[in-house]
Every structure is written in C-alpha cells, then in structure tokens.
C-alpha atoms as a PDB file:
ATOM      1  CA  MET A   1       0.000   0.000   0.000  1.00  0.00           C
ATOM      2  CA  THR A   2       1.418   3.269  -1.070  1.00  0.00           C
ATOM      3  CA  ALA A   3       1.136   6.212   1.347  1.00  0.00           C
ATOM      4  CA  THR A   4       0.301   9.482  -0.288  1.00  0.00           C
ATOM      5  CA  THR A   5       1.471  12.660   1.347  1.00  0.00           C
ATOM      6  CA  THR A   6      -0.155  15.957   0.705  1.00  0.00           C
ATOM      7  CA  ALA A   7       2.015  19.054   0.785  1.00  0.00           C
ATOM      8  CA  PRO A   8       0.724  21.726   3.132  1.00  0.00           C
ATOM      9  CA  ILE A   9      -0.950  24.595   1.357  1.00  0.00           C
ATOM     10  CA  ALA A  10       0.751  27.834   2.194  1.00  0.00           C
ATOM     11  CA  ALA A  11      -1.591  30.573   3.427  1.00  0.00           C
ATOM     12  CA  PRO A  12      -1.551  33.662   1.277  1.00  0.00           C
ATOM     13  CA  SER A  13       0.411  36.428   2.869  1.00  0.00           C
ATOM     14  CA  VAL A  14      -1.673  39.430   3.791  1.00  0.00           C
ATOM     15  CA  ARG A  15       0.163  42.595   3.043  1.00  0.00           C
ATOM     16  CA  ALA A  16      -1.121  45.972   4.076  1.00  0.00           C
ATOM     17  CA  GLU A  17      -2.136  47.967   1.103  1.00  0.00           C
ATOM     18  CA  LYS A  18      -0.136  51.087   0.798  1.00  0.00           C
ATOM     19  CA  ARG A  19      -1.406  54.155  -0.919  1.00  0.00           C
ATOM     20  CA  PRO A  20       0.595  54.854  -4.046  1.00  0.00           C
ATOM     21  CA  PRO A  21       2.762  57.969  -3.980  1.00  0.00           C
ATOM     22  CA  SER A  22       0.535  59.625  -6.565  1.00  0.00           C
ATOM     23  CA  ASP A  23      -2.480  59.491  -4.201  1.00  0.00           C
ATOM     24  CA  ARG A  24      -0.491  60.980  -1.338  1.00  0.00           C
ATOM     25  CA  LEU A  25       0.775  63.768  -3.560  1.00  0.00           C
ATOM     26  CA  ARG A  26      -2.746  64.437  -4.768  1.00  0.00           C
ATOM     27  CA  ALA A  27      -4.020  64.625  -1.159  1.00  0.00           C
ATOM     28  CA  TRP A  28      -1.299  67.100  -0.198  1.00  0.00           C
ATOM     29  CA  ALA A  29      -1.962  69.102  -3.350  1.00  0.00           C
ATOM     30  CA  THR A  30      -5.611  69.531  -2.371  1.00  0.00           C
ATOM     31  CA  ARG A  31      -4.711  70.569   1.198  1.00  0.00           C
ATOM     32  CA  ALA A  32      -1.790  72.827   0.359  1.00  0.00           C
ATOM     33  CA  PRO A  33      -3.919  75.898  -0.604  1.00  0.00           C
ATOM     34  CA  LEU A  34      -5.484  75.796   2.887  1.00  0.00           C
ATOM     35  CA  LEU A  35      -2.163  75.861   4.756  1.00  0.00           C
ATOM     36  CA  PRO A  36      -1.551  79.653   4.445  1.00  0.00           C
ATOM     37  CA  ALA A  37      -5.027  80.372   5.792  1.00  0.00           C
ATOM     38  CA  LEU A  38      -4.519  77.879   8.633  1.00  0.00           C
ATOM     39  CA  ILE A  39      -1.137  79.355   9.557  1.00  0.00           C
ATOM     40  CA  PHE A  40      -2.565  82.880   9.413  1.00  0.00           C
ATOM     41  CA  MET A  41      -5.518  81.913  11.632  1.00  0.00           C
ATOM     42  CA  ILE A  42      -3.226  80.300  14.215  1.00  0.00           C
ATOM     43  CA  ALA A  43      -0.874  83.293  14.216  1.00  0.00           C
ATOM     44  CA  VAL A  44      -3.698  85.840  14.528  1.00  0.00           C
ATOM     45  CA  THR A  45      -6.031  84.082  16.965  1.00  0.00           C
ATOM     46  CA  GLN A  46      -4.384  81.229  18.853  1.00  0.00           C
ATOM     47  CA  LEU A  47      -0.941  82.648  19.602  1.00  0.00           C
ATOM     48  CA  PRO A  48      -2.331  85.901  21.114  1.00  0.00           C
ATOM     49  CA  PHE A  49      -4.743  83.859  23.217  1.00  0.00           C
ATOM     50  CA  VAL A  50      -1.890  81.674  24.503  1.00  0.00           C
ATOM     51  CA  ALA A  51       0.072  84.830  25.362  1.00  0.00           C
ATOM     52  CA  THR A  52      -2.982  86.261  27.145  1.00  0.00           C
ATOM     53  CA  LEU A  53      -3.392  83.018  29.075  1.00  0.00           C
ATOM     54  CA  VAL A  54       0.241  83.113  30.206  1.00  0.00           C
ATOM     55  CA  ILE A  55       0.067  86.783  31.255  1.00  0.00           C
ATOM     56  CA  SER A  56      -3.086  86.091  33.279  1.00  0.00           C
ATOM     57  CA  PHE A  57      -1.002  84.092  35.769  1.00  0.00           C
ATOM     58  CA  PHE A  58       1.299  87.043  36.515  1.00  0.00           C
ATOM     59  CA  ASP A  59       0.973  90.164  38.639  1.00  0.00           C
ATOM     60  CA  TRP A  60       2.079  92.476  35.848  1.00  0.00           C
ATOM     61  CA  ASN A  61       1.602  96.239  35.808  1.00  0.00           C
ATOM     62  CA  SER A  62       3.056  97.869  32.708  1.00  0.00           C
ATOM     63  CA  LEU A  63       4.062 100.942  34.746  1.00  0.00           C
ATOM     64  CA  TYR A  64       6.382  98.697  36.772  1.00  0.00           C
ATOM     65  CA  PRO A  65       7.620  96.106  34.247  1.00  0.00           C
ATOM     66  CA  ASP A  66      10.460  94.870  36.456  1.00  0.00           C
ATOM     67  CA  ALA A  67       8.148  94.088  39.381  1.00  0.00           C
ATOM     68  CA  ARG A  68       6.125  91.351  37.686  1.00  0.00           C
ATOM     69  CA  SER A  69       5.785  88.023  39.484  1.00  0.00           C
ATOM     70  CA  PHE A  70       3.969  84.722  39.078  1.00  0.00           C
ATOM     71  CA  THR A  71       0.777  84.652  41.151  1.00  0.00           C
ATOM     72  CA  GLY A  72      -1.064  81.595  39.846  1.00  0.00           C
ATOM     73  CA  LEU A  73      -4.843  81.919  39.966  1.00  0.00           C
ATOM     74  CA  SER A  74      -4.954  85.042  42.129  1.00  0.00           C
ATOM     75  CA  ASN A  75      -5.953  87.246  39.172  1.00  0.00           C
ATOM     76  CA  TYR A  76      -8.911  84.982  38.448  1.00  0.00           C
ATOM     77  CA  SER A  77      -9.872  85.042  42.115  1.00  0.00           C
ATOM     78  CA  GLU A  78      -9.767  88.835  42.094  1.00  0.00           C
ATOM     79  CA  VAL A  79     -11.886  88.986  38.928  1.00  0.00           C
ATOM     80  CA  LEU A  80     -14.535  86.791  40.552  1.00  0.00           C
ATOM     81  CA  THR A  81     -14.490  88.536  43.946  1.00  0.00           C
ATOM     82  CA  ASP A  82     -13.898  92.208  43.112  1.00  0.00           C
ATOM     83  CA  ALA A  83     -17.111  94.219  43.526  1.00  0.00           C
ATOM     84  CA  ASP A  84     -16.619  96.338  40.424  1.00  0.00           C
ATOM     85  CA  LEU A  85     -15.827  93.328  38.258  1.00  0.00           C
ATOM     86  CA  ARG A  86     -18.813  91.406  39.614  1.00  0.00           C
ATOM     87  CA  ARG A  87     -20.973  94.423  38.830  1.00  0.00           C
ATOM     88  CA  SER A  88     -19.645  94.488  35.272  1.00  0.00           C
ATOM     89  CA  VAL A  89     -20.443  90.778  34.897  1.00  0.00           C
ATOM     90  CA  TRP A  90     -24.021  91.420  36.078  1.00  0.00           C
ATOM     91  CA  THR A  91     -24.308  94.370  33.680  1.00  0.00           C
ATOM     92  CA  THR A  92     -23.094  92.138  30.861  1.00  0.00           C
ATOM     93  CA  VAL A  93     -25.749  89.538  31.683  1.00  0.00           C
ATOM     94  CA  LEU A  94     -28.528  92.158  31.831  1.00  0.00           C
ATOM     95  CA  LEU A  95     -27.384  93.832  28.624  1.00  0.00           C
ATOM     96  CA  THR A  96     -27.115  90.539  26.748  1.00  0.00           C
ATOM     97  CA  ALA A  97     -30.460  89.161  27.948  1.00  0.00           C
ATOM     98  CA  ALA A  98     -32.391  92.372  27.233  1.00  0.00           C
ATOM     99  CA  VAL A  99     -30.897  92.902  23.762  1.00  0.00           C
ATOM    100  CA  VAL A 100     -31.275  89.275  22.668  1.00  0.00           C
ATOM    101  CA  LEU A 101     -34.877  88.923  23.894  1.00  0.00           C
ATOM    102  CA  ALA A 102     -36.014  92.251  22.415  1.00  0.00           C
ATOM    103  CA  SER A 103     -34.244  91.540  19.119  1.00  0.00           C
ATOM    104  CA  LEU A 104     -35.847  88.104  18.886  1.00  0.00           C
ATOM    105  CA  VAL A 105     -39.371  89.440  19.504  1.00  0.00           C
ATOM    106  CA  LEU A 106     -39.002  92.299  17.016  1.00  0.00           C
ATOM    107  CA  GLY A 107     -37.181  90.055  14.534  1.00  0.00           C
ATOM    108  CA  LEU A 108     -39.996  87.503  14.712  1.00  0.00           C
ATOM    109  CA  ALA A 109     -42.622  90.203  14.082  1.00  0.00           C
ATOM    110  CA  LEU A 110     -40.705  91.549  11.077  1.00  0.00           C
ATOM    111  CA  ALA A 111     -40.077  88.037   9.736  1.00  0.00           C
ATOM    112  CA  LEU A 112     -43.804  87.262   9.896  1.00  0.00           C
ATOM    113  CA  LEU A 113     -44.455  90.509   8.015  1.00  0.00           C
ATOM    114  CA  LEU A 114     -41.919  89.757   5.295  1.00  0.00           C
ATOM    115  CA  ASP A 115     -43.195  86.195   4.937  1.00  0.00           C
ATOM    116  CA  ARG A 116     -46.368  87.634   3.427  1.00  0.00           C
ATOM    117  CA  LYS A 117     -46.540  88.753  -0.181  1.00  0.00           C
ATOM    118  CA  PHE A 118     -47.141  92.450  -0.729  1.00  0.00           C
ATOM    119  CA  LYS A 119     -46.038  95.093  -3.164  1.00  0.00           C
ATOM    120  CA  GLY A 120     -42.552  96.417  -2.513  1.00  0.00           C
ATOM    121  CA  ARG A 121     -41.535  93.553  -0.233  1.00  0.00           C
ATOM    122  CA  GLY A 122     -38.005  93.473  -1.664  1.00  0.00           C
ATOM    123  CA  VAL A 123     -37.472  97.180  -0.937  1.00  0.00           C
ATOM    124  CA  VAL A 124     -38.817  96.820   2.594  1.00  0.00           C
ATOM    125  CA  ARG A 125     -36.573  93.825   3.212  1.00  0.00           C
ATOM    126  CA  THR A 126     -33.507  95.757   2.045  1.00  0.00           C
ATOM    127  CA  LEU A 127     -34.350  98.722   4.275  1.00  0.00           C
ATOM    128  CA  LEU A 128     -34.881  96.482   7.290  1.00  0.00           C
ATOM    129  CA  ILE A 129     -31.535  94.738   6.773  1.00  0.00           C
ATOM    130  CA  ALA A 130     -29.634  98.049   6.485  1.00  0.00           C
ATOM    131  CA  PRO A 131     -29.083  98.657  10.264  1.00  0.00           C
ATOM    132  CA  PHE A 132     -27.149  95.406  10.553  1.00  0.00           C
ATOM    133  CA  LEU A 133     -24.764  96.562   7.815  1.00  0.00           C
ATOM    134  CA  VAL A 134     -23.856  99.823   9.565  1.00  0.00           C
ATOM    135  CA  VAL A 135     -20.439  99.917  11.265  1.00  0.00           C
ATOM    136  CA  PRO A 136     -21.038  99.452  15.047  1.00  0.00           C
ATOM    137  CA  VAL A 137     -19.180 102.631  16.035  1.00  0.00           C
ATOM    138  CA  ALA A 138     -21.060 104.638  13.403  1.00  0.00           C
ATOM    139  CA  ALA A 139     -24.364 103.226  14.662  1.00  0.00           C
ATOM    140  CA  ALA A 140     -23.509 104.167  18.248  1.00  0.00           C
ATOM    141  CA  LEU A 141     -22.519 107.691  17.181  1.00  0.00           C
ATOM    142  CA  LEU A 142     -25.778 107.979  15.242  1.00  0.00           C
ATOM    143  CA  TRP A 143     -27.836 107.132  18.308  1.00  0.00           C
ATOM    144  CA  LYS A 144     -25.762 109.317  20.636  1.00  0.00           C
ATOM    145  CA  HIS A 145     -25.762 112.528  18.584  1.00  0.00           C
ATOM    146  CA  VAL A 146     -28.634 112.296  16.097  1.00  0.00           C
ATOM    147  CA  LEU A 147     -31.256 110.713  18.371  1.00  0.00           C
ATOM    148  CA  TYR A 148     -30.283 111.097  22.038  1.00  0.00           C
ATOM    149  CA  ASN A 149     -28.746 114.580  22.115  1.00  0.00           C
ATOM    150  CA  PRO A 150     -30.879 116.728  24.484  1.00  0.00           C
ATOM    151  CA  GLU A 151     -30.356 119.921  22.440  1.00  0.00           C
ATOM    152  CA  TYR A 152     -30.655 118.895  18.801  1.00  0.00           C
ATOM    153  CA  GLY A 153     -31.563 115.198  18.930  1.00  0.00           C
ATOM    154  CA  LEU A 154     -34.490 113.806  16.957  1.00  0.00           C
ATOM    155  CA  PHE A 155     -36.279 112.382  19.993  1.00  0.00           C
ATOM    156  CA  ASN A 156     -36.353 115.704  21.858  1.00  0.00           C
ATOM    157  CA  GLY A 157     -37.239 117.489  18.633  1.00  0.00           C
ATOM    158  CA  LEU A 158     -40.362 115.351  18.275  1.00  0.00           C
ATOM    159  CA  LEU A 159     -41.240 115.875  21.943  1.00  0.00           C
ATOM    160  CA  HIS A 160     -40.736 119.632  21.573  1.00  0.00           C
ATOM    161  CA  TYR A 161     -43.079 119.601  18.569  1.00  0.00           C
ATOM    162  CA  VAL A 162     -45.894 118.095  20.663  1.00  0.00           C
ATOM    163  CA  GLY A 163     -45.049 120.163  23.754  1.00  0.00           C
ATOM    164  CA  GLY A 164     -43.453 117.347  25.732  1.00  0.00           C
ATOM    165  CA  PRO A 165     -40.459 117.349  28.128  1.00  0.00           C
ATOM    166  CA  GLN A 166     -36.827 117.498  27.022  1.00  0.00           C
ATOM    167  CA  PRO A 167     -35.074 114.650  28.892  1.00  0.00           C
ATOM    168  CA  ASP A 168     -31.407 113.792  28.739  1.00  0.00           C
ATOM    169  CA  TRP A 169     -31.828 110.240  27.516  1.00  0.00           C
ATOM    170  CA  ILE A 170     -28.293 109.016  28.223  1.00  0.00           C
ATOM    171  CA  SER A 171     -28.116 110.508  31.728  1.00  0.00           C
ATOM    172  CA  ASN A 172     -31.618 109.420  32.766  1.00  0.00           C
ATOM    173  CA  THR A 173     -31.647 105.906  31.274  1.00  0.00           C
ATOM    174  CA  PRO A 174     -28.041 105.023  30.397  1.00  0.00           C
ATOM    175  CA  LEU A 175     -28.333 101.247  30.180  1.00  0.00           C
ATOM    176  CA  LEU A 176     -31.619 101.453  28.280  1.00  0.00           C
ATOM    177  CA  ALA A 177     -29.987 103.881  25.840  1.00  0.00           C
ATOM    178  CA  VAL A 178     -27.233 101.353  25.075  1.00  0.00           C
ATOM    179  CA  GLU A 179     -29.746  98.508  24.814  1.00  0.00           C
ATOM    180  CA  ALA A 180     -31.942 100.410  22.356  1.00  0.00           C
ATOM    181  CA  ALA A 181     -28.997 101.101  20.039  1.00  0.00           C
ATOM    182  CA  LEU A 182     -27.973  97.432  20.097  1.00  0.00           C
ATOM    183  CA  VAL A 183     -31.535  96.196  19.564  1.00  0.00           C
ATOM    184  CA  TRP A 184     -31.838  98.456  16.501  1.00  0.00           C
ATOM    185  CA  GLN A 185     -28.660  96.959  15.065  1.00  0.00           C
ATOM    186  CA  TRP A 186     -29.286  93.286  15.887  1.00  0.00           C
ATOM    187  CA  THR A 187     -32.984  92.970  15.080  1.00  0.00           C
ATOM    188  CA  PRO A 188     -32.273  92.508  11.314  1.00  0.00           C
ATOM    189  CA  PHE A 189     -29.927  89.623  12.137  1.00  0.00           C
ATOM    190  CA  MET A 190     -32.668  87.827  14.092  1.00  0.00           C
ATOM    191  CA  MET A 191     -35.168  88.670  11.349  1.00  0.00           C
ATOM    192  CA  LEU A 192     -33.062  86.957   8.667  1.00  0.00           C
ATOM    193  CA  ILE A 193     -32.627  83.779  10.720  1.00  0.00           C
ATOM    194  CA  LEU A 194     -36.342  83.543  11.559  1.00  0.00           C
ATOM    195  CA  LEU A 195     -37.381  84.409   8.002  1.00  0.00           C
ATOM    196  CA  ALA A 196     -35.286  81.490   6.762  1.00  0.00           C
ATOM    197  CA  GLY A 197     -37.122  79.295   9.245  1.00  0.00           C
ATOM    198  CA  LEU A 198     -40.535  80.544   8.121  1.00  0.00           C
ATOM    199  CA  GLN A 199     -39.729  79.866   4.481  1.00  0.00           C
ATOM    200  CA  SER A 200     -38.726  76.274   5.281  1.00  0.00           C
ATOM    201  CA  ARG A 201     -42.156  75.363   6.665  1.00  0.00           C
ATOM    202  CA  ASP A 202     -44.249  72.610   5.099  1.00  0.00           C
ATOM    203  CA  GLN A 203     -46.879  74.592   3.182  1.00  0.00           C
ATOM    204  CA  GLN A 204     -49.054  71.525   2.619  1.00  0.00           C
ATOM    205  CA  GLN A 205     -49.382  71.071   6.366  1.00  0.00           C
ATOM    206  CA  ILE A 206     -50.406  74.704   6.788  1.00  0.00           C
ATOM    207  CA  GLU A 207     -52.966  74.456   3.986  1.00  0.00           C
ATOM    208  CA  ALA A 208     -54.388  71.292   5.551  1.00  0.00           C
ATOM    209  CA  ALA A 209     -54.765  73.126   8.865  1.00  0.00           C
ATOM    210  CA  ARG A 210     -56.594  75.986   7.135  1.00  0.00           C
ATOM    211  CA  VAL A 211     -58.938  73.531   5.455  1.00  0.00           C
ATOM    212  CA  ASP A 212     -59.697  72.019   8.861  1.00  0.00           C
ATOM    213  CA  GLY A 213     -60.728  75.504  10.084  1.00  0.00           C
ATOM    214  CA  ALA A 214     -57.660  76.507  12.078  1.00  0.00           C
ATOM    215  CA  SER A 215     -57.259  80.234  12.684  1.00  0.00           C
ATOM    216  CA  ASP A 216     -54.061  82.191  12.042  1.00  0.00           C
ATOM    217  CA  TRP A 217     -53.291  82.248  15.757  1.00  0.00           C
ATOM    218  CA  GLN A 218     -53.773  78.478  16.064  1.00  0.00           C
ATOM    219  CA  ILE A 219     -51.495  77.877  13.059  1.00  0.00           C
ATOM    220  CA  PHE A 220     -48.852  80.151  14.556  1.00  0.00           C
ATOM    221  CA  ARG A 221     -49.085  78.603  18.020  1.00  0.00           C
ATOM    222  CA  HIS A 222     -49.235  74.913  17.093  1.00  0.00           C
ATOM    223  CA  LEU A 223     -47.326  74.774  13.777  1.00  0.00           C
ATOM    224  CA  THR A 224     -45.164  77.836  13.169  1.00  0.00           C
ATOM    225  CA  LEU A 225     -43.771  78.386  16.679  1.00  0.00           C
ATOM    226  CA  PRO A 226     -42.706  74.737  17.243  1.00  0.00           C
ATOM    227  CA  HIS A 227     -41.062  74.764  13.805  1.00  0.00           C
ATOM    228  CA  LEU A 228     -39.156  77.945  14.680  1.00  0.00           C
ATOM    229  CA  ARG A 229     -37.857  76.616  17.997  1.00  0.00           C
ATOM    230  CA  ARG A 230     -34.450  75.637  16.594  1.00  0.00           C
ATOM    231  CA  TYR A 231     -34.132  78.929  14.721  1.00  0.00           C
ATOM    232  CA  LEU A 232     -35.011  80.891  17.856  1.00  0.00           C
ATOM    233  CA  GLU A 233     -32.373  78.964  19.789  1.00  0.00           C
ATOM    234  CA  LEU A 234     -29.799  79.603  17.061  1.00  0.00           C
ATOM    235  CA  GLY A 235     -30.561  83.329  16.976  1.00  0.00           C
ATOM    236  CA  ALA A 236     -30.400  83.594  20.771  1.00  0.00           C
ATOM    237  CA  LEU A 237     -27.071  81.760  20.985  1.00  0.00           C
ATOM    238  CA  LEU A 238     -25.378  83.632  18.133  1.00  0.00           C
ATOM    239  CA  GLY A 239     -26.697  86.953  19.407  1.00  0.00           C
ATOM    240  CA  SER A 240     -25.426  86.175  22.909  1.00  0.00           C
ATOM    241  CA  ILE A 241     -21.936  85.418  21.578  1.00  0.00           C
ATOM    242  CA  TYR A 242     -21.692  88.830  19.937  1.00  0.00           C
ATOM    243  CA  ILE A 243     -23.471  90.921  22.596  1.00  0.00           C
ATOM    244  CA  VAL A 244     -21.377  89.466  25.426  1.00  0.00           C
ATOM    245  CA  GLN A 245     -18.283  90.782  23.631  1.00  0.00           C
ATOM    246  CA  ASN A 246     -19.785  94.149  22.675  1.00  0.00           C
ATOM    247  CA  PHE A 247     -17.558  97.127  23.355  1.00  0.00           C
ATOM    248  CA  ASP A 248     -18.407  99.758  20.741  1.00  0.00           C
ATOM    249  CA  ALA A 249     -21.815 100.886  21.996  1.00  0.00           C
ATOM    250  CA  VAL A 250     -20.801 101.095  25.668  1.00  0.00           C
ATOM    251  CA  PHE A 251     -17.585 102.974  24.871  1.00  0.00           C
ATOM    252  CA  THR A 252     -19.193 105.385  22.391  1.00  0.00           C
ATOM    253  CA  ILE A 253     -22.508 106.195  24.082  1.00  0.00           C
ATOM    254  CA  THR A 254     -21.696 106.249  27.801  1.00  0.00           C
ATOM    255  CA  SER A 255     -17.907 105.637  28.045  1.00  0.00           C
ATOM    256  CA  GLY A 256     -18.711 102.953  30.590  1.00  0.00           C
ATOM    257  CA  GLY A 257     -20.188 105.423  33.064  1.00  0.00           C
ATOM    258  CA  LEU A 258     -23.507 105.490  34.911  1.00  0.00           C
ATOM    259  CA  GLY A 259     -23.443 101.751  35.597  1.00  0.00           C
ATOM    260  CA  THR A 260     -23.116 100.616  31.970  1.00  0.00           C
ATOM    261  CA  ALA A 261     -19.574  99.186  32.120  1.00  0.00           C
ATOM    262  CA  ASN A 262     -19.791  95.605  30.878  1.00  0.00           C
ATOM    263  CA  LEU A 263     -17.006  93.043  31.113  1.00  0.00           C
ATOM    264  CA  PRO A 264     -15.245  93.936  27.817  1.00  0.00           C
ATOM    265  CA  TYR A 265     -15.179  97.604  28.827  1.00  0.00           C
ATOM    266  CA  THR A 266     -13.833  96.659  32.262  1.00  0.00           C
ATOM    267  CA  VAL A 267     -11.072  94.677  30.551  1.00  0.00           C
ATOM    268  CA  TYR A 268     -10.277  97.799  28.521  1.00  0.00           C
ATOM    269  CA  GLN A 269     -10.146  99.919  31.681  1.00  0.00           C
ATOM    270  CA  SER A 270      -7.899  97.455  33.484  1.00  0.00           C
ATOM    271  CA  PHE A 271      -5.499  97.180  30.562  1.00  0.00           C
ATOM    272  CA  TYR A 272      -5.309 100.650  29.052  1.00  0.00           C
ATOM    273  CA  GLN A 273      -6.116 102.869  32.031  1.00  0.00           C
ATOM    274  CA  ALA A 274      -4.984 100.944  35.113  1.00  0.00           C
ATOM    275  CA  HIS A 275      -2.213  99.164  33.139  1.00  0.00           C
ATOM    276  CA  GLU A 276      -2.967  95.924  34.998  1.00  0.00           C
ATOM    277  CA  ASN A 277      -1.987  93.467  32.285  1.00  0.00           C
ATOM    278  CA  GLY A 278      -2.412  90.342  34.405  1.00  0.00           C
ATOM    279  CA  LEU A 279      -5.848  91.273  35.753  1.00  0.00           C
ATOM    280  CA  ALA A 280      -7.127  92.363  32.341  1.00  0.00           C
ATOM    281  CA  SER A 281      -5.839  89.143  30.760  1.00  0.00           C
ATOM    282  CA  ALA A 282      -7.619  87.030  33.384  1.00  0.00           C
ATOM    283  CA  ALA A 283     -10.898  88.849  32.738  1.00  0.00           C
ATOM    284  CA  GLY A 284     -10.396  88.451  28.990  1.00  0.00           C
ATOM    285  CA  VAL A 285      -9.806  84.712  29.351  1.00  0.00           C
ATOM    286  CA  LEU A 286     -13.067  84.383  31.293  1.00  0.00           C
ATOM    287  CA  VAL A 287     -14.906  86.224  28.510  1.00  0.00           C
ATOM    288  CA  VAL A 288     -13.423  83.839  25.942  1.00  0.00           C
ATOM    289  CA  ILE A 289     -14.381  80.784  28.011  1.00  0.00           C
ATOM    290  CA  GLY A 290     -17.960  82.042  28.321  1.00  0.00           C
ATOM    291  CA  SER A 291     -18.119  82.699  24.574  1.00  0.00           C
ATOM    292  CA  ILE A 292     -16.787  79.209  23.827  1.00  0.00           C
ATOM    293  CA  ILE A 293     -19.460  77.632  26.040  1.00  0.00           C
ATOM    294  CA  ILE A 294     -22.206  79.551  24.243  1.00  0.00           C
ATOM    295  CA  ALA A 295     -20.650  78.772  20.840  1.00  0.00           C
ATOM    296  CA  THR A 296     -20.641  75.052  21.664  1.00  0.00           C
ATOM    297  CA  PHE A 297     -24.407  75.096  22.179  1.00  0.00           C
ATOM    298  CA  ALA A 298     -24.807  77.158  18.993  1.00  0.00           C
ATOM    299  CA  LEU A 299     -22.869  74.589  16.959  1.00  0.00           C
ATOM    300  CA  ARG A 300     -25.047  71.819  18.334  1.00  0.00           C
ATOM    301  CA  VAL A 301     -28.167  73.697  17.284  1.00  0.00           C
ATOM    302  CA  VAL A 302     -26.727  74.293  13.802  1.00  0.00           C
ATOM    303  CA  SER A 303     -25.835  70.606  13.407  1.00  0.00           C
ATOM    304  CA  SER A 304     -29.333  69.569  14.499  1.00  0.00           C
ATOM    305  CA  LEU A 305     -30.824  71.973  11.941  1.00  0.00           C
ATOM    306  CA  PHE A 306     -28.701  70.411   9.206  1.00  0.00           C
ATOM    307  CA  ARG A 307     -29.765  66.916  10.274  1.00  0.00           C
ATOM    308  CA  GLU A 308     -33.425  67.929  10.179  1.00  0.00           C
ATOM    309  CA  GLU A 309     -33.049  69.428   6.702  1.00  0.00           C
ATOM    310  CA  VAL A 310     -31.279  66.305   5.436  1.00  0.00           C
ATOM    311  CA  SER A 311     -33.922  64.006   6.892  1.00  0.00           C
ATOM    312  CA  ARG A 312     -36.680  66.180   5.424  1.00  0.00           C
ATOM    313  CA  ALA A 313     -35.038  66.037   1.991  1.00  0.00           C
END
C-alpha cells in the first residue's frame, strides 16, 4: 500500500495595502492651498490667546515692568471677587439678555411681516436689513448725537413739537440707551434667521390646517412656533456670543459710566487705564471661556438643523 502525502498549502500572505505615492501627492496638493489660511488663523487668533493666558497668571503692571511676578490663579480670584468686576459681569448679563430677547421678539414680528406677499416687499426687506450693515461705532454715534442729544436730537425734537419734556436720555436711562442702540442693530440679524425658518415650513401642512378651520393664531401657536424653535435657539445663541463681547456701543454712548460698564469695557479699563496686564488678561480669558461655552451650544443647534433638513429632503 502506497502512502500518499499531501504538501501543506501555504496561506496567502496578507500585506497591508499602501497608498501609491501619486495618491499621497494628490491629497497634499488639495490641502496645500489651505495651509496659508490655517497658519494665518493660528498666528492671529491662537498665539495671542496663549500669550494672554500666560500673562493672566502674573501680577504684571506695565508701569512697573520689572516688578512682575507669578501669582497663579490670584488674578482669576480677584476677577470673581472684586465688587466692580462682579458688577460688570451682572451688567453684561442684563445687557445681553435684554438685547437678545427684544431683538428676537421684534425680529420675529418683522419676519412674519416679510413672509407675506405684498407690493414692494423686496425694498422693505432691504431697508430692514440696512441697520445690521452699519459699522457698530457709526451706529452708536448715530444714536448718541442724532437721536439722544438733548439739544438737537431727533427724539427731543419730536417731543418739543408736541409740547413734551426734554429729557437727557443718556443721563436718565443710560443702560436702556445702550440697549436700544444694540436692539436696533441686531434685530435685522434675528429677522433673517427667523425668516429662513418661516420659508422652510411645510406649506401643505399649513394648507391642511386651514382647510380644517384653524385660525391664524392656532397655526402660529401649534405649527409655526414649534417649527421655529431651533431657529429661535440659534438666533439667541449667536446673538449672545456677539453681545457678550460688545464694546463699541458702551464705549461710544456712555464711556462705561452710569453703571453701563460691561465686562469687555472693564477689561479695557484694566489694561489701558490701570495698566494691569495680568488682571485684564484674566478677565479676557473668562470672557473667551464664556463665549466658547455659548458657541458650543450654537454649533449643536446648527448641526441639528442640518440633520433635520437632510432628513426632510
């Protein structure tokens, strides 16, 4: 009997596939045009922030440059415990909340108006957007001199025409004066966001509700408002990011006086007037951290809006 032996079958060697050099060169060629912009962004935004973060740990007064010393978190502790700084934080919260809420309400009303078809709607839309395109300092100067001035301002001129009083708007209501200027400038921004939301509604659903006898108020309450929830959140978050960092209106209209100094203006005072580099840097870092927290929620809302649009499509 002849024994037959079978040679073992060699397993095929698994070799990791390597990308050919041409693919790697093509990938770098597509990314290369973005490198200058990335380097510029890092140099302009990230490096100054790192320098600010480092300075915030030092007791550093620019009038006495040789007397600087490392103090750890003492600057942050002073920012959070100093009465004036706490007051500026509270003013920032009040200013941001009032401006964002008023801008959202007025923006929603204007968006509902522009969502209707009427003659000259394009012209009206352009005129309503115009305040948002004005340079912030120019807008603040406009409100301070053209509208608020007690001698030749438009508001007192109208009151004089009807025999009313002649108040000094900035002295009597300083924070309200700043808020009104900011609401005028940021209402068009909220209007555009909410108008985009209104124009993305399901018109068939609205027509079905009208056929079933629903009134305009019922359609707004049960269909339009729930649909606009994400857009309202987005407008509130984006508006908060910008208003928290607002400096132009406070500096131009009231120069931070009469209880209107918000946190950015307090940072300016600490840095340019008191020359406290470490304290101003600590306050600035806290402003950035707060803005990043708000921006994180804003990005989540934006991503959820994109997911809803993709699922609807």
